[in-house]
Amino acid sequence: MSLHIEPTDEAILALKKERKKAYILSGLTSLLGLGAIVAVLYFCKIITFGPEQPTVTCVPVNDEITDDDDTPTPEVSTETQSAAPNAAVKVMVAATSADVTMPPVDLAMDVPTDSLSTSLDIGLGNGVKGEDTTSGGFGVTNPSGSALEGTLYDTKQTRGGSPTNLSEAQFTELLSKFVNGGWKESDFNKFFKADVKLYAAQFYIPRSSAAEAPKAFKCEKQVQPSRWIAVYRGKIKAPKSGKFRFVGAGDDSLVVRFNNENVFDYGWFQASLGKMTTGENWKNAMLNKQGFDMEKKVLQKAGINVPPVTFYKYESSPHWNNALGGVAAGKTFTVKEGQTYPIEILVSEIPGGEFGMTLLIEEVGAKPFSVDKKTGSPILPLFRTNHGVPMTEGKEKVPFDEIGLVWETVK
C-alpha cells in the first residue's frame, strides 16, 4: 500500500519559481563557460580541422639570423597527427611572451632528418643516409654513405707474400714516381694488397702507432707497420663556388690530387720532391727567406709548395710546430658549386713507429670563426665528405672547426 499526497497550489507556484531561477542560472553559466572557451581558443588560436596526412612544415620568414631583440618572432606552423587515426590537429603558436599551459598530449611525430637544412652555408650534403659519420681514422668497412674508398699496399712483400727487399731509398723513389706520374694504380700491381677496403670521410689522426693502418685494414698479421701506402679515391661535389686550398701535414706523407692536379703535399716526406724536408734549409726556403736558392728551385719545379708557403702553428701541436714549422697551406684551386671533381689522397708511413695526419680546408679570403688563442692561427674546418667529425683522443692534435662545408661524394 502507498500513501499519495496532493501538493497545494502555493507549493506548485513556489516550485515553478525555483525552476525558472534554475533555468536562468543554468543558461548564464553555459554562456559564461562558452565565452571562456572562445577566449582560450582565440588567444591560443587552436583550430580543429578534418583528418589530414601527417606532415611537418617549417615556414622560414627571414633569410638572416639576428640577435636584435626588437625583431618580431615569426609565427611557426606545425601540422601533425595524433595517435588516434581520425584526430588530426593543426596548432598555430602565436608569437607572444605570455605563458600558456596546455595538458600533455601523446603525439606520434616522425620528422625525417634528411629534410632539414640550414642557411649558414654549412653545406650539410645529402649522401649520409645510413652511414657511420664517425668514421675517423683510416675509415670503416661499411661502403654506404658519402666517403672515399681506400686501399692499402705493403711494398715490403709481393702479392704472394714473398719479401721484396725494397730499401727505404727505393720506397721513396716509388712514392715520387707514383705521385708525379699520374697516380697509376698499376705502379703497385706487384705489391701486397689488402683484401679489405675502407671508406673514409675525414683524414685526421693525432699522433698514434703506425700499426693502426694494417690493423684498420684487417691485415695486421700479414703487414708490418712500415713502408705501407694507403690510397683513397672518389669523386666529390663542390658545395660552394670559390677558391680553396688544403691545409695540413702528414707523418710521414700526406698528398692530395684534386681534379687531376697535385695540390697538396706536406709532411716529413714530400712525395712530389722525393725528399725528406724537415730540415731547417727546406723550412727557410718555403718561408722564402734569403738564400736557399737550390731548395727554392726544387720547390718551384714541383709547383705545390712554391715560396712563400703559409704555415699555421697551434698550441696543441708543439711537435709539428718545431719539426715542420706547423701545418702548411697547399696550392689554391677554384671550384663551381654543384660541379663534380675527382680526388685522390695518399697517406704513408716510411720507417715505422708513429703516424699522424691532419687534412683541413681553407676558403681563400674567408674570415675564420675563431683563432688559436696563443698563436693567432685560424681554426679551420676539416676536409670531410659527410657531417661527422673524428675522434680527437691522442697527442699532437691540430684543432679544427666542427662546422664547415661538406664535400659530398658522387658515384
Protein backbone atom coordinates (compact mmCIF):
# COMPACT_ATOMS: atom_id res chain seq x y z
CA MET A 1 0.00 0.00 0.00
CA SER A 2 1.23 3.53 -0.86
CA LEU A 3 0.43 6.92 0.52
CA HIS A 4 -0.46 9.64 -2.06
CA ILE A 5 -0.32 13.36 -1.11
CA GLU A 6 -1.55 16.15 -3.40
CA PRO A 7 0.54 19.35 -3.32
CA THR A 8 -1.19 22.63 -2.62
CA ASP A 9 -1.45 25.45 -5.20
CA GLU A 10 1.02 27.56 -3.21
CA ALA A 11 3.56 24.77 -3.25
CA ILE A 12 3.24 24.29 -7.02
CA LEU A 13 3.71 28.04 -7.61
CA ALA A 14 6.83 28.08 -5.43
CA LEU A 15 8.29 25.11 -7.31
CA LYS A 16 7.70 26.83 -10.67
CA LYS A 17 9.51 29.97 -9.47
CA GLU A 18 12.51 27.95 -8.25
CA ARG A 19 12.66 26.01 -11.53
CA LYS A 20 12.61 29.28 -13.52
CA LYS A 21 15.52 30.65 -11.46
CA ALA A 22 17.44 27.41 -12.03
CA TYR A 23 16.93 27.66 -15.82
CA ILE A 24 18.15 31.26 -15.84
CA LEU A 25 21.26 30.42 -13.75
CA SER A 26 21.99 27.39 -15.90
CA GLY A 27 21.78 29.47 -19.06
CA LEU A 28 24.07 32.16 -17.68
CA THR A 29 26.56 29.52 -16.55
CA SER A 30 26.55 27.94 -20.01
CA LEU A 31 27.09 31.30 -21.69
CA LEU A 32 29.97 32.14 -19.36
CA GLY A 33 31.56 28.73 -19.96
CA LEU A 34 31.18 29.12 -23.73
CA GLY A 35 32.71 32.60 -23.53
CA ALA A 36 35.67 31.24 -21.59
CA ILE A 37 36.26 28.50 -24.19
CA VAL A 38 36.06 31.04 -27.05
CA ALA A 39 38.57 33.26 -25.23
CA VAL A 40 41.02 30.38 -24.78
CA LEU A 41 40.64 29.37 -28.42
CA TYR A 42 41.13 32.98 -29.51
CA PHE A 43 44.32 33.54 -27.56
CA CYS A 44 45.84 30.11 -28.24
CA LYS A 45 44.49 30.00 -31.79
CA ILE A 46 43.64 26.33 -31.69
CA ILE A 47 41.59 25.36 -34.74
CA THR A 48 40.34 21.87 -35.42
CA PHE A 49 40.24 20.60 -38.97
CA GLY A 50 39.28 17.38 -40.62
CA PRO A 51 41.72 14.46 -40.99
CA GLU A 52 44.90 15.29 -42.90
CA GLN A 53 48.06 13.43 -43.78
CA PRO A 54 50.74 13.80 -41.07
CA THR A 55 53.26 16.40 -42.21
CA VAL A 56 55.71 18.72 -40.58
CA THR A 57 56.17 22.10 -42.22
CA CYS A 58 58.71 24.73 -41.15
CA VAL A 59 57.98 28.13 -42.65
CA PRO A 60 61.06 30.41 -42.78
CA VAL A 61 60.26 34.09 -42.98
CA ASN A 62 63.73 35.58 -42.78
CA ASP A 63 66.93 34.53 -44.54
CA GLU A 64 69.14 36.14 -41.94
CA ILE A 65 69.81 35.38 -38.30
CA THR A 66 69.83 38.34 -36.00
CA ASP A 67 70.37 38.96 -32.33
CA ASP A 68 68.16 42.06 -32.35
CA ASP A 69 65.58 41.63 -29.58
CA ASP A 70 63.19 44.00 -31.38
CA THR A 71 62.80 41.72 -34.38
CA PRO A 72 59.34 40.09 -34.23
CA THR A 73 59.34 36.33 -33.78
CA PRO A 74 57.82 34.61 -36.82
CA GLU A 75 54.69 32.53 -36.47
CA VAL A 76 55.53 28.85 -36.84
CA SER A 77 53.06 26.40 -38.29
CA THR A 78 53.35 22.77 -37.26
CA GLU A 79 50.98 20.18 -38.62
CA THR A 80 50.89 16.77 -37.03
CA GLN A 81 48.56 13.87 -36.34
CA SER A 82 47.82 12.23 -33.02
CA ALA A 83 47.92 8.53 -32.35
CA ALA A 84 44.15 8.40 -33.00
CA PRO A 85 43.64 7.78 -36.74
CA ASN A 86 40.89 10.39 -37.22
CA ALA A 87 42.04 13.13 -34.84
CA ALA A 88 44.25 15.49 -36.79
CA VAL A 89 45.13 18.77 -35.13
CA LYS A 90 46.73 21.90 -36.53
CA VAL A 91 48.38 24.06 -33.88
CA MET A 92 49.17 27.71 -34.54
CA VAL A 93 51.54 29.09 -31.92
CA ALA A 94 51.38 32.85 -31.69
CA ALA A 95 54.48 34.98 -31.23
CA THR A 96 53.76 36.13 -27.72
CA SER A 97 55.59 36.20 -24.44
CA ALA A 98 52.53 35.05 -22.49
CA ASP A 99 52.87 31.64 -20.82
CA VAL A 100 50.21 29.16 -21.94
CA THR A 101 49.91 25.87 -20.06
CA MET A 102 48.36 23.02 -22.01
CA PRO A 103 47.68 19.46 -20.88
CA PRO A 104 50.15 16.83 -22.15
CA VAL A 105 49.13 15.24 -25.42
CA ASP A 106 50.60 11.99 -26.70
CA LEU A 107 51.60 12.79 -30.27
CA ALA A 108 53.43 10.44 -32.59
CA MET A 109 55.54 12.67 -34.84
CA ASP A 110 58.18 11.34 -37.22
CA VAL A 111 60.48 14.04 -38.53
CA PRO A 112 62.72 12.91 -41.44
CA THR A 113 66.23 14.15 -40.75
CA ASP A 114 67.18 14.49 -44.40
CA SER A 115 64.53 17.20 -44.83
CA LEU A 116 66.42 19.52 -42.52
CA SER A 117 68.50 22.34 -43.95
CA THR A 118 70.40 25.39 -42.84
CA SER A 119 71.08 28.87 -44.17
CA LEU A 120 74.51 29.13 -42.50
CA ASP A 121 76.48 27.98 -45.58
CA ILE A 122 77.41 24.80 -43.73
CA GLY A 123 76.78 22.56 -46.72
CA LEU A 124 75.39 19.51 -44.96
CA GLY A 125 75.08 17.39 -48.07
CA ASN A 126 72.58 14.62 -48.77
CA GLY A 127 74.67 11.49 -49.12
CA VAL A 128 74.75 10.50 -45.49
CA LYS A 129 71.70 8.30 -45.02
CA GLY A 130 72.52 5.09 -43.19
CA GLU A 131 76.22 5.77 -42.82
CA ASP A 132 78.59 5.86 -39.88
CA THR A 133 79.52 9.52 -39.76
CA THR A 134 82.12 8.99 -37.05
CA SER A 135 84.45 7.08 -39.39
CA GLY A 136 87.58 8.99 -38.38
CA GLY A 137 90.94 7.20 -38.53
CA PHE A 138 91.52 5.23 -41.68
CA GLY A 139 87.83 4.64 -42.36
CA VAL A 140 85.12 2.00 -41.90
CA THR A 141 84.30 -1.20 -43.75
CA ASN A 142 80.70 -0.16 -44.47
CA PRO A 143 80.61 1.22 -48.04
CA SER A 144 77.30 3.09 -47.61
CA GLY A 145 77.08 6.87 -47.49
CA SER A 146 79.43 9.63 -48.56
CA ALA A 147 83.07 8.53 -48.31
CA LEU A 148 86.24 7.90 -50.33
CA GLU A 149 87.35 4.32 -50.97
CA GLY A 150 90.78 3.40 -49.63
CA THR A 151 93.19 0.58 -50.47
CA LEU A 152 96.30 -0.41 -48.50
CA TYR A 153 99.51 -1.63 -50.16
CA ASP A 154 102.56 -3.16 -48.47
CA THR A 155 105.71 -2.60 -50.52
CA LYS A 156 107.78 -4.94 -48.33
CA GLN A 157 106.16 -8.02 -49.91
CA THR A 158 104.75 -9.23 -53.20
CA ARG A 159 101.11 -10.12 -53.81
CA GLY A 160 102.02 -13.68 -52.96
CA GLY A 161 103.68 -12.68 -49.69
CA SER A 162 107.34 -13.01 -50.72
CA PRO A 163 109.81 -10.36 -49.48
CA THR A 164 110.65 -7.60 -51.97
CA ASN A 165 113.74 -6.42 -50.07
CA LEU A 166 112.79 -2.87 -51.10
CA SER A 167 115.10 -0.35 -49.43
CA GLU A 168 113.90 2.90 -47.92
CA ALA A 169 115.52 4.85 -50.78
CA GLN A 170 113.73 2.66 -53.33
CA PHE A 171 110.45 3.13 -51.46
CA THR A 172 110.68 6.94 -51.53
CA GLU A 173 111.54 6.78 -55.22
CA LEU A 174 108.43 4.65 -55.78
CA LEU A 175 106.26 7.20 -53.96
CA SER A 176 107.67 10.06 -56.02
CA LYS A 177 107.14 8.18 -59.29
CA PHE A 178 103.52 7.41 -58.36
CA VAL A 179 102.62 10.99 -57.36
CA ASN A 180 104.38 12.66 -60.28
CA GLY A 181 103.40 10.02 -62.84
CA GLY A 182 99.61 10.34 -62.76
CA TRP A 183 98.69 8.20 -59.73
CA LYS A 184 98.61 4.96 -61.73
CA GLU A 185 97.33 2.03 -59.70
CA SER A 186 99.43 -0.26 -61.87
CA ASP A 187 102.56 1.10 -60.14
CA PHE A 188 101.59 -1.03 -57.13
CA ASN A 189 100.50 -4.16 -59.02
CA LYS A 190 103.38 -6.31 -57.79
CA PHE A 191 102.92 -5.46 -54.12
CA PHE A 192 100.71 -6.96 -51.42
CA LYS A 193 97.20 -5.51 -51.48
CA ALA A 194 94.83 -5.71 -48.50
CA ASP A 195 91.62 -7.61 -49.22
CA VAL A 196 89.58 -5.20 -47.10
CA LYS A 197 88.77 -1.73 -48.41
CA LEU A 198 87.98 1.15 -46.07
CA TYR A 199 85.73 4.15 -46.60
CA ALA A 200 86.90 7.42 -45.05
CA ALA A 201 85.07 10.71 -44.76
CA GLN A 202 87.79 12.65 -42.88
CA PHE A 203 91.58 12.41 -42.75
CA TYR A 204 92.52 13.26 -39.22
CA ILE A 205 94.62 11.09 -36.88
CA PRO A 206 96.52 12.54 -33.90
CA ARG A 207 99.97 11.02 -33.35
CA SER A 208 99.46 7.29 -32.90
CA SER A 209 101.09 3.97 -33.71
CA ALA A 210 101.86 3.26 -37.36
CA ALA A 211 100.48 -0.23 -36.71
CA GLU A 212 96.97 1.24 -36.69
CA ALA A 213 96.83 1.25 -40.51
CA PRO A 214 97.33 -2.50 -41.05
CA LYS A 215 95.02 -3.12 -38.10
CA ALA A 216 92.28 -0.95 -39.61
CA PHE A 217 92.59 -2.75 -42.97
CA LYS A 218 92.35 -6.15 -41.17
CA CYS A 219 95.81 -7.30 -42.27
CA GLU A 220 97.94 -6.69 -39.16
CA LYS A 221 99.06 -10.34 -39.18
CA GLN A 222 100.46 -10.02 -42.72
CA VAL A 223 101.71 -6.40 -42.78
CA GLN A 224 104.39 -4.89 -40.57
CA PRO A 225 103.84 -1.18 -39.74
CA SER A 226 106.34 0.44 -42.11
CA ARG A 227 106.58 1.33 -45.81
CA TRP A 228 102.86 0.91 -46.32
CA ILE A 229 100.81 3.13 -48.63
CA ALA A 230 97.06 3.84 -48.47
CA VAL A 231 95.36 5.49 -51.43
CA TYR A 232 91.79 6.84 -51.29
CA ARG A 233 89.84 7.71 -54.43
CA GLY A 234 86.46 9.11 -55.39
CA LYS A 235 84.52 12.00 -56.86
CA ILE A 236 83.23 14.90 -54.81
CA LYS A 237 80.73 17.68 -55.44
CA ALA A 238 81.71 21.26 -54.64
CA PRO A 239 79.32 22.66 -52.00
CA LYS A 240 80.16 26.26 -52.87
CA SER A 241 81.82 28.25 -55.63
CA GLY A 242 85.12 29.90 -54.77
CA LYS A 243 88.84 29.48 -54.21
CA PHE A 244 90.09 26.91 -51.73
CA ARG A 245 93.30 25.25 -50.57
CA PHE A 246 94.08 22.23 -48.42
CA VAL A 247 95.97 22.79 -45.17
CA GLY A 248 97.65 20.08 -43.13
CA ALA A 249 100.58 17.75 -42.64
CA GLY A 250 101.38 14.04 -42.62
CA ASP A 251 103.75 11.92 -40.60
CA ASP A 252 105.30 10.78 -42.83
CA SER A 253 103.42 11.62 -46.01
CA LEU A 254 100.08 13.19 -46.99
CA VAL A 255 99.37 14.10 -50.62
CA VAL A 256 96.18 15.28 -52.38
CA ARG A 257 95.44 15.21 -56.07
CA PHE A 258 92.35 17.27 -56.94
CA ASN A 259 90.84 17.45 -60.42
CA ASN A 260 93.87 15.57 -61.79
CA GLU A 261 96.36 18.07 -60.33
CA ASN A 262 98.66 17.70 -57.31
CA VAL A 263 97.54 20.49 -54.97
CA PHE A 264 98.83 19.41 -51.54
CA ASP A 265 101.95 17.57 -50.38
CA TYR A 266 103.38 18.20 -46.94
CA GLY A 267 104.83 16.29 -44.03
CA TRP A 268 108.13 14.74 -43.08
CA PHE A 269 108.41 13.47 -46.65
CA GLN A 270 107.28 15.42 -49.72
CA ALA A 271 106.45 12.81 -52.33
CA SER A 272 106.43 15.31 -55.20
CA LEU A 273 110.07 16.11 -54.35
CA GLY A 274 111.10 12.60 -53.38
CA LYS A 275 112.82 14.08 -50.32
CA MET A 276 112.58 14.37 -46.56
CA THR A 277 112.02 18.09 -45.95
CA THR A 278 112.06 18.54 -42.17
CA GLY A 279 115.47 20.25 -42.18
CA GLU A 280 115.87 23.97 -41.49
CA ASN A 281 117.03 24.66 -45.04
CA TRP A 282 113.75 23.40 -46.50
CA LYS A 283 111.63 25.29 -43.99
CA ASN A 284 113.57 28.50 -44.62
CA ALA A 285 113.22 28.02 -48.38
CA MET A 286 109.46 27.53 -48.10
CA LEU A 287 109.26 30.68 -45.97
CA ASN A 288 111.15 32.42 -48.81
CA LYS A 289 113.97 33.56 -46.56
CA GLN A 290 117.06 34.96 -48.23
CA GLY A 291 119.33 32.32 -49.70
CA PHE A 292 118.45 28.62 -50.03
CA ASP A 293 118.26 29.01 -53.81
CA MET A 294 118.73 25.30 -54.57
CA GLU A 295 115.79 24.28 -52.37
CA LYS A 296 113.61 27.07 -53.78
CA LYS A 297 114.29 25.90 -57.33
CA VAL A 298 113.23 22.34 -56.47
CA LEU A 299 110.05 23.59 -54.78
CA GLN A 300 109.13 25.84 -57.70
CA LYS A 301 109.62 22.98 -60.17
CA ALA A 302 107.24 20.73 -58.22
CA GLY A 303 104.71 23.60 -58.22
CA ILE A 304 102.94 22.87 -54.92
CA ASN A 305 104.85 24.44 -52.01
CA VAL A 306 106.07 27.43 -54.01
CA PRO A 307 107.70 30.01 -51.66
CA PRO A 308 106.40 31.77 -49.68
CA VAL A 309 104.32 28.98 -48.14
CA THR A 310 101.72 29.81 -45.46
CA PHE A 311 102.22 27.93 -42.18
CA TYR A 312 99.84 27.75 -39.22
CA LYS A 313 101.01 26.81 -35.73
CA TYR A 314 98.79 25.69 -32.86
CA GLU A 315 99.34 25.47 -29.14
CA SER A 316 98.18 21.84 -29.06
CA SER A 317 100.69 20.61 -31.69
CA PRO A 318 104.16 21.72 -30.45
CA HIS A 319 106.00 18.78 -32.04
CA TRP A 320 104.72 19.60 -35.51
CA ASN A 321 105.42 23.29 -34.91
CA ASN A 322 109.06 22.53 -34.16
CA ALA A 323 109.69 19.78 -36.72
CA LEU A 324 107.60 21.05 -39.64
CA GLY A 325 107.00 24.72 -38.90
CA GLY A 326 103.34 23.83 -38.33
CA VAL A 327 100.76 22.72 -40.87
CA ALA A 328 101.21 24.06 -44.40
CA ALA A 329 98.76 25.53 -46.92
CA GLY A 330 98.84 23.94 -50.36
CA LYS A 331 98.10 25.18 -53.85
CA THR A 332 94.95 27.24 -54.48
CA PHE A 333 92.24 25.76 -56.72
CA THR A 334 88.89 27.07 -57.95
CA VAL A 335 85.57 25.19 -57.94
CA LYS A 336 81.98 25.81 -59.02
CA GLU A 337 79.10 24.88 -56.76
CA GLY A 338 77.47 21.59 -57.73
CA GLN A 339 80.22 20.55 -60.14
CA THR A 340 81.89 17.16 -59.65
CA TYR A 341 85.67 16.73 -59.30
CA PRO A 342 87.87 13.63 -58.95
CA ILE A 343 90.02 13.46 -55.83
CA GLU A 344 92.78 11.12 -54.63
CA ILE A 345 94.50 11.16 -51.25
CA LEU A 346 97.68 9.28 -50.36
CA VAL A 347 98.94 8.63 -46.83
CA SER A 348 102.07 6.70 -45.98
CA GLU A 349 104.46 5.71 -43.22
CA ILE A 350 108.12 5.11 -44.10
CA PRO A 351 110.31 3.90 -41.20
CA GLY A 352 107.52 2.88 -38.80
CA GLY A 353 106.94 3.96 -35.23
CA GLU A 354 104.39 6.79 -35.06
CA PHE A 355 101.94 8.03 -37.65
CA GLY A 356 99.62 11.03 -37.78
CA MET A 357 97.82 13.25 -40.27
CA THR A 358 95.60 16.29 -40.46
CA LEU A 359 93.80 17.48 -43.57
CA LEU A 360 91.89 20.76 -43.29
CA ILE A 361 90.48 23.01 -45.99
CA GLU A 362 90.52 26.80 -46.17
CA GLU A 363 88.34 29.09 -48.25
CA VAL A 364 90.76 31.71 -49.51
CA GLY A 365 89.85 35.16 -48.22
CA ALA A 366 87.15 33.94 -45.81
CA LYS A 367 87.34 35.11 -42.21
CA PRO A 368 87.66 32.22 -39.72
CA PHE A 369 85.10 31.83 -36.94
CA SER A 370 87.86 31.52 -34.32
CA VAL A 371 91.65 31.54 -33.91
CA ASP A 372 94.21 29.84 -31.70
CA LYS A 373 94.41 31.95 -28.54
CA LYS A 374 98.19 31.60 -28.27
CA THR A 375 99.40 31.69 -31.90
CA GLY A 376 96.57 33.56 -33.64
CA SER A 377 96.34 30.93 -36.39
CA PRO A 378 92.84 30.37 -37.80
CA ILE A 379 90.85 27.36 -36.62
CA LEU A 380 89.91 25.80 -39.96
CA PRO A 381 87.26 23.20 -40.82
CA LEU A 382 88.18 19.64 -41.71
CA PHE A 383 88.07 18.45 -45.26
CA ARG A 384 85.21 15.98 -44.99
CA THR A 385 82.66 14.22 -47.17
CA ASN A 386 79.93 13.93 -44.53
CA HIS A 387 78.99 15.89 -41.42
CA GLY A 388 80.67 13.59 -38.94
CA VAL A 389 83.77 14.58 -37.02
CA PRO A 390 86.57 12.20 -35.99
CA MET A 391 87.74 11.27 -32.53
CA THR A 392 90.44 13.61 -31.24
CA GLU A 393 91.94 11.49 -28.46
CA GLY A 394 95.73 11.35 -28.50
CA LYS A 395 98.70 13.65 -28.53
CA GLU A 396 99.74 16.27 -31.08
CA LYS A 397 96.25 17.40 -32.03
CA VAL A 398 95.60 20.18 -34.52
CA PRO A 399 92.32 21.94 -33.59
CA PHE A 400 89.56 22.18 -36.16
CA ASP A 401 86.21 23.91 -36.58
CA GLU A 402 83.47 21.29 -36.33
CA ILE A 403 81.16 23.33 -38.59
CA GLY A 404 82.25 23.52 -42.19
CA LEU A 405 81.44 22.65 -45.78
CA VAL A 406 80.73 19.04 -46.71
CA TRP A 407 82.24 17.85 -49.98
CA GLU A 408 79.75 15.10 -50.73
CA THR A 409 80.92 12.13 -52.77
CA VAL A 410 79.25 11.28 -56.06
CA LYS A 411 79.08 7.82 -57.61
